[in-house]
Structure formats: C-alpha cells, structure tokens
Amino acid sequence: MNHSIYSADRSTHLKIVVVALVAGIAVAGLGITARSVSDDGLTQTARVIKAGKPVVITSSNASLVR
C-alpha cells in the first residue's frame, strides 16, 4: 500500500475523482433541498424608498444663515 497521491495508479485517481464528484453533488443537493423546504412560499420584493427633504443635523442651537 502506497500512501502518496503522486505515485498512485490510474484507478486510484479515478476513485478519488468519483468520490469527490459524488460528495459535491450530495452537498449541492442537500443545499437546494434545505433552501426549498424553508421557503414557505414567501417571495422577496424590492421596495423603493424616495428621498425626502434634506435635513441638517448639528450639535449647537445656533441657526445657520446662507
């Protein structure tokens, strides 16, 4: 038994690639399933907020004349 990935034969490399691919598909499927279960049918919408009049905030009580 050789413990180095560099000197492993072709079938060992193929097994590693297949296991990684299956694990990636499983994680992606689990993520998609978890997202769709917690969705509850609520959709997100973007709200538009219009700017109001400008406000000046100061720490003194003096009035500003322009």
PDB file of N, CA and C in Angstrom:
ATOM      1  N   MET A   1       0.844  -1.166   0.000  1.00  0.00           N
ATOM      2  CA  MET A   1       0.000   0.000   0.000  1.00  0.00           C
ATOM      3  C   MET A   1       0.900   1.244   0.000  1.00  0.00           C
ATOM      4  N   ASN A   2       0.595   2.122  -0.935  1.00  0.00           N
ATOM      5  CA  ASN A   2       1.374   3.344  -1.053  1.00  0.00           C
ATOM      6  C   ASN A   2       0.509   4.503  -0.580  1.00  0.00           C
ATOM      7  N   HIS A   3       1.043   5.362   0.266  1.00  0.00           N
ATOM      8  CA  HIS A   3       0.266   6.448   0.843  1.00  0.00           C
ATOM      9  C   HIS A   3       0.497   7.789   0.148  1.00  0.00           C
ATOM     10  N   SER A   4       1.091   7.800  -1.016  1.00  0.00           N
ATOM     11  CA  SER A   4       1.354   9.034  -1.738  1.00  0.00           C
ATOM     12  C   SER A   4       0.407   9.148  -2.933  1.00  0.00           C
ATOM     13  N   ILE A   5      -0.189  10.311  -3.112  1.00  0.00           N
ATOM     14  CA  ILE A   5      -1.100  10.524  -4.237  1.00  0.00           C
ATOM     15  C   ILE A   5      -0.317  10.630  -5.543  1.00  0.00           C
ATOM     16  N   TYR A   6       0.941  11.046  -5.452  1.00  0.00           N
ATOM     17  CA  TYR A   6       1.756  11.222  -6.660  1.00  0.00           C
ATOM     18  C   TYR A   6       2.102   9.883  -7.320  1.00  0.00           C
ATOM     19  N   SER A   7       2.316   8.865  -6.533  1.00  0.00           N
ATOM     20  CA  SER A   7       2.704   7.576  -7.109  1.00  0.00           C
ATOM     21  C   SER A   7       1.524   6.601  -7.205  1.00  0.00           C
ATOM     22  N   ALA A   8       0.309   7.056  -6.977  1.00  0.00           N
ATOM     23  CA  ALA A   8      -0.862   6.183  -7.066  1.00  0.00           C
ATOM     24  C   ALA A   8      -1.159   5.870  -8.528  1.00  0.00           C
ATOM     25  N   ASP A   9      -1.795   4.718  -8.744  1.00  0.00           N
ATOM     26  CA  ASP A   9      -2.092   4.330 -10.121  1.00  0.00           C
ATOM     27  C   ASP A   9      -3.357   5.027 -10.638  1.00  0.00           C
ATOM     28  N   ARG A  10      -3.693   4.764 -11.873  1.00  0.00           N
ATOM     29  CA  ARG A  10      -4.796   5.442 -12.553  1.00  0.00           C
ATOM     30  C   ARG A  10      -6.149   5.158 -11.891  1.00  0.00           C
ATOM     31  N   SER A  11      -6.377   3.932 -11.468  1.00  0.00           N
ATOM     32  CA  SER A  11      -7.663   3.585 -10.868  1.00  0.00           C
ATOM     33  C   SER A  11      -7.858   4.294  -9.519  1.00  0.00           C
ATOM     34  N   THR A  12      -6.786   4.513  -8.784  1.00  0.00           N
ATOM     35  CA  THR A  12      -6.889   5.228  -7.510  1.00  0.00           C
ATOM     36  C   THR A  12      -7.282   6.681  -7.754  1.00  0.00           C
ATOM     37  N   HIS A  13      -6.671   7.317  -8.752  1.00  0.00           N
ATOM     38  CA  HIS A  13      -7.031   8.681  -9.096  1.00  0.00           C
ATOM     39  C   HIS A  13      -8.490   8.765  -9.543  1.00  0.00           C
ATOM     40  N   LEU A  14      -8.928   7.798 -10.312  1.00  0.00           N
ATOM     41  CA  LEU A  14     -10.314   7.775 -10.772  1.00  0.00           C
ATOM     42  C   LEU A  14     -11.273   7.623  -9.600  1.00  0.00           C
ATOM     43  N   LYS A  15     -10.938   6.776  -8.641  1.00  0.00           N
ATOM     44  CA  LYS A  15     -11.781   6.603  -7.453  1.00  0.00           C
ATOM     45  C   LYS A  15     -11.884   7.899  -6.663  1.00  0.00           C
ATOM     46  N   ILE A  16     -10.781   8.605  -6.515  1.00  0.00           N
ATOM     47  CA  ILE A  16     -10.776   9.866  -5.773  1.00  0.00           C
ATOM     48  C   ILE A  16     -11.661  10.898  -6.479  1.00  0.00           C
ATOM     49  N   VAL A  17     -11.558  10.983  -7.792  1.00  0.00           N
ATOM     50  CA  VAL A  17     -12.365  11.936  -8.553  1.00  0.00           C
ATOM     51  C   VAL A  17     -13.849  11.589  -8.442  1.00  0.00           C
ATOM     52  N   VAL A  18     -14.188  10.323  -8.523  1.00  0.00           N
ATOM     53  CA  VAL A  18     -15.586   9.899  -8.442  1.00  0.00           C
ATOM     54  C   VAL A  18     -16.153  10.180  -7.054  1.00  0.00           C
ATOM     55  N   VAL A  19     -15.399   9.886  -6.011  1.00  0.00           N
ATOM     56  CA  VAL A  19     -15.878  10.141  -4.650  1.00  0.00           C
ATOM     57  C   VAL A  19     -16.066  11.642  -4.428  1.00  0.00           C
ATOM     58  N   ALA A  20     -15.135  12.464  -4.918  1.00  0.00           N
ATOM     59  CA  ALA A  20     -15.263  13.915  -4.768  1.00  0.00           C
ATOM     60  C   ALA A  20     -16.476  14.437  -5.540  1.00  0.00           C
ATOM     61  N   LEU A  21     -16.715  13.912  -6.732  1.00  0.00           N
ATOM     62  CA  LEU A  21     -17.860  14.331  -7.531  1.00  0.00           C
ATOM     63  C   LEU A  21     -19.180  13.954  -6.857  1.00  0.00           C
ATOM     64  N   VAL A  22     -19.269  12.750  -6.331  1.00  0.00           N
ATOM     65  CA  VAL A  22     -20.486  12.306  -5.645  1.00  0.00           C
ATOM     66  C   VAL A  22     -20.716  13.141  -4.385  1.00  0.00           C
ATOM     67  N   ALA A  23     -19.652  13.435  -3.648  1.00  0.00           N
ATOM     68  CA  ALA A  23     -19.789  14.248  -2.440  1.00  0.00           C
ATOM     69  C   ALA A  23     -20.230  15.670  -2.797  1.00  0.00           C
ATOM     70  N   GLY A  24     -19.697  16.236  -3.868  1.00  0.00           N
ATOM     71  CA  GLY A  24     -20.103  17.573  -4.295  1.00  0.00           C
ATOM     72  C   GLY A  24     -21.551  17.628  -4.713  1.00  0.00           C
ATOM     73  N   ILE A  25     -21.995  16.624  -5.442  1.00  0.00           N
ATOM     74  CA  ILE A  25     -23.398  16.556  -5.853  1.00  0.00           C
ATOM     75  C   ILE A  25     -24.307  16.402  -4.636  1.00  0.00           C
ATOM     76  N   ALA A  26     -23.881  15.601  -3.666  1.00  0.00           N
ATOM     77  CA  ALA A  26     -24.679  15.404  -2.448  1.00  0.00           C
ATOM     78  C   ALA A  26     -24.798  16.702  -1.657  1.00  0.00           C
ATOM     79  N   VAL A  27     -23.715  17.438  -1.526  1.00  0.00           N
ATOM     80  CA  VAL A  27     -23.750  18.701  -0.779  1.00  0.00           C
ATOM     81  C   VAL A  27     -24.624  19.720  -1.510  1.00  0.00           C
ATOM     82  N   ALA A  28     -24.497  19.807  -2.829  1.00  0.00           N
ATOM     83  CA  ALA A  28     -25.323  20.734  -3.599  1.00  0.00           C
ATOM     84  C   ALA A  28     -26.801  20.357  -3.511  1.00  0.00           C
ATOM     85  N   GLY A  29     -27.109  19.083  -3.611  1.00  0.00           N
ATOM     86  CA  GLY A  29     -28.495  18.632  -3.495  1.00  0.00           C
ATOM     87  C   GLY A  29     -29.071  18.900  -2.117  1.00  0.00           C
ATOM     88  N   LEU A  30     -28.271  18.707  -1.097  1.00  0.00           N
ATOM     89  CA  LEU A  30     -28.717  18.990   0.267  1.00  0.00           C
ATOM     90  C   LEU A  30     -28.987  20.483   0.453  1.00  0.00           C
ATOM     91  N   GLY A  31     -28.135  21.320  -0.123  1.00  0.00           N
ATOM     92  CA  GLY A  31     -28.335  22.762  -0.027  1.00  0.00           C
ATOM     93  C   GLY A  31     -29.582  23.216  -0.750  1.00  0.00           C
ATOM     94  N   ILE A  32     -29.829  22.680  -1.928  1.00  0.00           N
ATOM     95  CA  ILE A  32     -31.033  23.039  -2.688  1.00  0.00           C
ATOM     96  C   ILE A  32     -32.283  22.553  -1.959  1.00  0.00           C
ATOM     97  N   THR A  33     -32.229  21.382  -1.403  1.00  0.00           N
ATOM     98  CA  THR A  33     -33.368  20.836  -0.666  1.00  0.00           C
ATOM     99  C   THR A  33     -33.651  21.660   0.582  1.00  0.00           C
ATOM    100  N   ALA A  34     -32.613  22.033   1.302  1.00  0.00           N
ATOM    101  CA  ALA A  34     -32.801  22.826   2.525  1.00  0.00           C
ATOM    102  C   ALA A  34     -33.359  24.197   2.197  1.00  0.00           C
ATOM    103  N   ARG A  35     -32.952  24.761   1.088  1.00  0.00           N
ATOM    104  CA  ARG A  35     -33.462  26.083   0.704  1.00  0.00           C
ATOM    105  C   ARG A  35     -34.933  25.996   0.312  1.00  0.00           C
ATOM    106  N   SER A  36     -35.322  24.967  -0.415  1.00  0.00           N
ATOM    107  CA  SER A  36     -36.705  24.873  -0.866  1.00  0.00           C
ATOM    108  C   SER A  36     -37.647  24.476   0.267  1.00  0.00           C
ATOM    109  N   VAL A  37     -37.160  23.786   1.283  1.00  0.00           N
ATOM    110  CA  VAL A  37     -38.008  23.403   2.411  1.00  0.00           C
ATOM    111  C   VAL A  37     -38.330  24.621   3.264  1.00  0.00           C
ATOM    112  N   SER A  38     -37.345  25.509   3.461  1.00  0.00           N
ATOM    113  CA  SER A  38     -37.552  26.669   4.330  1.00  0.00           C
ATOM    114  C   SER A  38     -38.123  27.865   3.571  1.00  0.00           C
ATOM    115  N   ASP A  39     -38.545  27.704   2.348  1.00  0.00           N
ATOM    116  CA  ASP A  39     -39.012  28.825   1.524  1.00  0.00           C
ATOM    117  C   ASP A  39     -40.370  29.347   1.985  1.00  0.00           C
ATOM    118  N   ASP A  40     -41.288  28.513   2.381  1.00  0.00           N
ATOM    119  CA  ASP A  40     -42.627  28.846   2.857  1.00  0.00           C
ATOM    120  C   ASP A  40     -43.474  29.604   1.837  1.00  0.00           C
ATOM    121  N   GLY A  41     -43.057  29.672   0.596  1.00  0.00           N
ATOM    122  CA  GLY A  41     -43.845  30.329  -0.431  1.00  0.00           C
ATOM    123  C   GLY A  41     -43.793  31.843  -0.383  1.00  0.00           C
ATOM    124  N   LEU A  42     -42.952  32.421   0.443  1.00  0.00           N
ATOM    125  CA  LEU A  42     -42.844  33.869   0.532  1.00  0.00           C
ATOM    126  C   LEU A  42     -41.839  34.361  -0.495  1.00  0.00           C
ATOM    127  N   THR A  43     -42.234  35.380  -1.220  1.00  0.00           N
ATOM    128  CA  THR A  43     -41.325  35.940  -2.209  1.00  0.00           C
ATOM    129  C   THR A  43     -40.764  37.252  -1.690  1.00  0.00           C
ATOM    130  N   GLN A  44     -39.566  37.541  -2.063  1.00  0.00           N
ATOM    131  CA  GLN A  44     -38.938  38.792  -1.661  1.00  0.00           C
ATOM    132  C   GLN A  44     -39.107  39.808  -2.776  1.00  0.00           C
ATOM    133  N   THR A  45     -39.513  41.007  -2.394  1.00  0.00           N
ATOM    134  CA  THR A  45     -39.659  42.070  -3.364  1.00  0.00           C
ATOM    135  C   THR A  45     -38.819  43.254  -2.921  1.00  0.00           C
ATOM    136  N   ALA A  46     -38.334  43.995  -3.886  1.00  0.00           N
ATOM    137  CA  ALA A  46     -37.537  45.174  -3.588  1.00  0.00           C
ATOM    138  C   ALA A  46     -38.469  46.366  -3.375  1.00  0.00           C
ATOM    139  N   ARG A  47     -38.234  47.105  -2.295  1.00  0.00           N
ATOM    140  CA  ARG A  47     -39.025  48.290  -2.013  1.00  0.00           C
ATOM    141  C   ARG A  47     -38.224  49.523  -2.387  1.00  0.00           C
ATOM    142  N   VAL A  48     -38.890  50.479  -3.005  1.00  0.00           N
ATOM    143  CA  VAL A  48     -38.248  51.721  -3.403  1.00  0.00           C
ATOM    144  C   VAL A  48     -38.554  52.770  -2.344  1.00  0.00           C
ATOM    145  N   ILE A  49     -37.522  53.423  -1.845  1.00  0.00           N
ATOM    146  CA  ILE A  49     -37.689  54.477  -0.845  1.00  0.00           C
ATOM    147  C   ILE A  49     -37.291  55.791  -1.494  1.00  0.00           C
ATOM    148  N   LYS A  50     -38.221  56.727  -1.522  1.00  0.00           N
ATOM    149  CA  LYS A  50     -37.942  58.028  -2.117  1.00  0.00           C
ATOM    150  C   LYS A  50     -37.306  58.929  -1.070  1.00  0.00           C
ATOM    151  N   ALA A  51     -36.366  59.728  -1.525  1.00  0.00           N
ATOM    152  CA  ALA A  51     -35.691  60.661  -0.621  1.00  0.00           C
ATOM    153  C   ALA A  51     -36.615  61.815  -0.287  1.00  0.00           C
ATOM    154  N   GLY A  52     -36.588  62.245   0.972  1.00  0.00           N
ATOM    155  CA  GLY A  52     -37.394  63.375   1.409  1.00  0.00           C
ATOM    156  C   GLY A  52     -36.573  64.660   1.320  1.00  0.00           C
ATOM    157  N   LYS A  53     -36.998  65.652   2.064  1.00  0.00           N
ATOM    158  CA  LYS A  53     -36.290  66.922   2.075  1.00  0.00           C
ATOM    159  C   LYS A  53     -34.967  66.767   2.829  1.00  0.00           C
ATOM    160  N   PRO A  54     -33.944  67.527   2.438  1.00  0.00           N
ATOM    161  CA  PRO A  54     -32.670  67.436   3.138  1.00  0.00           C
ATOM    162  C   PRO A  54     -32.785  67.932   4.575  1.00  0.00           C
ATOM    163  N   VAL A  55     -32.077  67.301   5.463  1.00  0.00           N
ATOM    164  CA  VAL A  55     -32.111  67.628   6.877  1.00  0.00           C
ATOM    165  C   VAL A  55     -30.696  67.947   7.322  1.00  0.00           C
ATOM    166  N   VAL A  56     -30.551  69.005   8.115  1.00  0.00           N
ATOM    167  CA  VAL A  56     -29.251  69.367   8.670  1.00  0.00           C
ATOM    168  C   VAL A  56     -29.267  69.038  10.149  1.00  0.00           C
ATOM    169  N   ILE A  57     -28.299  68.287  10.588  1.00  0.00           N
ATOM    170  CA  ILE A  57     -28.214  67.908  11.991  1.00  0.00           C
ATOM    171  C   ILE A  57     -26.959  68.543  12.571  1.00  0.00           C
ATOM    172  N   THR A  58     -27.123  69.321  13.625  1.00  0.00           N
ATOM    173  CA  THR A  58     -25.980  69.950  14.297  1.00  0.00           C
ATOM    174  C   THR A  58     -26.061  69.688  15.782  1.00  0.00           C
ATOM    175  N   SER A  59     -24.965  69.973  16.457  1.00  0.00           N
ATOM    176  CA  SER A  59     -24.955  69.795  17.904  1.00  0.00           C
ATOM    177  C   SER A  59     -25.135  71.108  18.639  1.00  0.00           C
ATOM    178  N   SER A  60     -25.228  72.212  17.904  1.00  0.00           N
ATOM    179  CA  SER A  60     -25.432  73.505  18.563  1.00  0.00           C
ATOM    180  C   SER A  60     -26.818  74.024  18.266  1.00  0.00           C
ATOM    181  N   ASN A  61     -27.262  75.009  19.040  1.00  0.00           N
ATOM    182  CA  ASN A  61     -28.587  75.585  18.840  1.00  0.00           C
ATOM    183  C   ASN A  61     -28.556  76.814  17.939  1.00  0.00           C
ATOM    184  N   ALA A  62     -27.408  77.182  17.421  1.00  0.00           N
ATOM    185  CA  ALA A  62     -27.288  78.367  16.566  1.00  0.00           C
ATOM    186  C   ALA A  62     -27.915  78.076  15.213  1.00  0.00           C
ATOM    187  N   SER A  63     -28.592  79.040  14.644  1.00  0.00           N
ATOM    188  CA  SER A  63     -29.210  78.867  13.342  1.00  0.00           C
ATOM    189  C   SER A  63     -28.197  79.182  12.240  1.00  0.00           C
ATOM    190  N   LEU A  64     -28.317  78.549  11.143  1.00  0.00           N
ATOM    191  CA  LEU A  64     -27.407  78.706  10.022  1.00  0.00           C
ATOM    192  C   LEU A  64     -28.063  79.572   8.976  1.00  0.00           C
ATOM    193  N   VAL A  65     -27.382  80.652   8.586  1.00  0.00           N
ATOM    194  CA  VAL A  65     -27.911  81.547   7.567  1.00  0.00           C
ATOM    195  C   VAL A  65     -27.057  81.407   6.322  1.00  0.00           C
ATOM    196  N   ARG A  66     -27.712  81.157   5.210  1.00  0.00           N
ATOM    197  CA  ARG A  66     -26.978  81.006   3.942  1.00  0.00           C
ATOM    198  C   ARG A  66     -27.389  82.047   2.979  1.00  0.00           C
TER     199      ARG A  66
END
